[in-house]
Amino acid sequence: MANKSSNRIVVPEAREALNRFKMEAANEVGVNLTQGYNGHLTSREAGSIGGQMVKKMIESYENSVK
């Protein structure tokens, strides 16, 4: 079976902005994230980064509809 990732960026030009956003979220939750592969992260650390990103996206959307 081919290794096919479903994590595709819809707008390729946004890749760098998404990477900056991920690094910012990691910094906010105190996770040491490096450029490239981060296989050393625990599931808890990776989840806290993703959770922080979702929290900030929801917050941004809520502020835009006020």
Protein backbone atom coordinates (compact mmCIF):
# COMPACT_ATOMS: atom_id res chain seq x y z
CA MET A 1 0.00 0.00 0.00
CA ALA A 2 1.37 3.39 -0.99
CA ASN A 3 2.18 5.88 1.75
CA LYS A 4 -0.14 8.73 0.79
CA SER A 5 -0.58 11.61 3.22
CA SER A 6 -3.94 13.32 3.50
CA ASN A 7 -2.28 16.42 4.94
CA ARG A 8 -2.17 18.43 1.74
CA ILE A 9 -2.08 22.20 1.75
CA VAL A 10 -4.88 23.49 -0.47
CA VAL A 11 -3.04 26.75 -1.21
CA PRO A 12 0.68 25.91 -1.64
CA GLU A 13 1.63 29.58 -1.21
CA ALA A 14 0.38 29.34 2.39
CA ARG A 15 2.95 26.71 3.40
CA GLU A 16 5.41 29.16 4.97
CA ALA A 17 2.65 31.00 6.87
CA LEU A 18 1.35 27.69 8.22
CA ASN A 19 4.85 26.72 9.36
CA ARG A 20 5.23 30.06 11.16
CA PHE A 21 1.80 29.59 12.75
CA LYS A 22 2.78 26.10 13.94
CA MET A 23 6.08 27.37 15.41
CA GLU A 24 4.23 30.21 17.18
CA ALA A 25 1.68 27.78 18.65
CA ALA A 26 4.47 25.46 19.81
CA ASN A 27 6.25 28.34 21.49
CA GLU A 28 3.04 29.41 23.26
CA VAL A 29 2.52 25.96 24.79
CA GLY A 30 6.22 25.51 25.62
CA VAL A 31 7.07 22.74 23.15
CA ASN A 32 10.53 22.73 21.57
CA LEU A 33 9.69 22.40 17.86
CA THR A 34 12.42 22.35 15.23
CA GLN A 35 12.29 22.89 11.47
CA GLY A 36 11.74 19.64 9.59
CA TYR A 37 11.00 16.28 11.18
CA ASN A 38 9.98 16.30 14.85
CA GLY A 39 9.75 12.59 15.58
CA HIS A 40 10.97 13.16 19.13
CA LEU A 41 7.68 14.79 20.17
CA THR A 42 5.29 12.89 22.37
CA SER A 43 1.66 12.56 21.36
CA ARG A 44 0.76 14.95 24.16
CA GLU A 45 3.18 17.60 22.88
CA ALA A 46 2.03 17.26 19.27
CA GLY A 47 -1.61 17.38 20.37
CA SER A 48 -1.04 20.49 22.44
CA ILE A 49 0.41 22.26 19.38
CA GLY A 50 -2.55 21.25 17.21
CA GLY A 51 -5.00 22.19 19.95
CA GLN A 52 -3.42 25.62 20.33
CA MET A 53 -3.60 26.15 16.57
CA VAL A 54 -7.31 25.26 16.52
CA LYS A 55 -7.97 27.49 19.52
CA LYS A 56 -6.31 30.46 17.79
CA MET A 57 -8.16 29.79 14.50
CA ILE A 58 -11.52 29.73 16.31
CA GLU A 59 -10.60 32.87 18.22
CA SER A 60 -9.65 34.60 14.97
CA TYR A 61 -12.92 33.60 13.30
CA GLU A 62 -14.97 34.76 16.30
CA ASN A 63 -13.23 38.14 16.21
CA SER A 64 -13.88 38.50 12.48
CA VAL A 65 -17.65 38.02 12.83
CA LYS A 66 -18.13 40.58 15.58
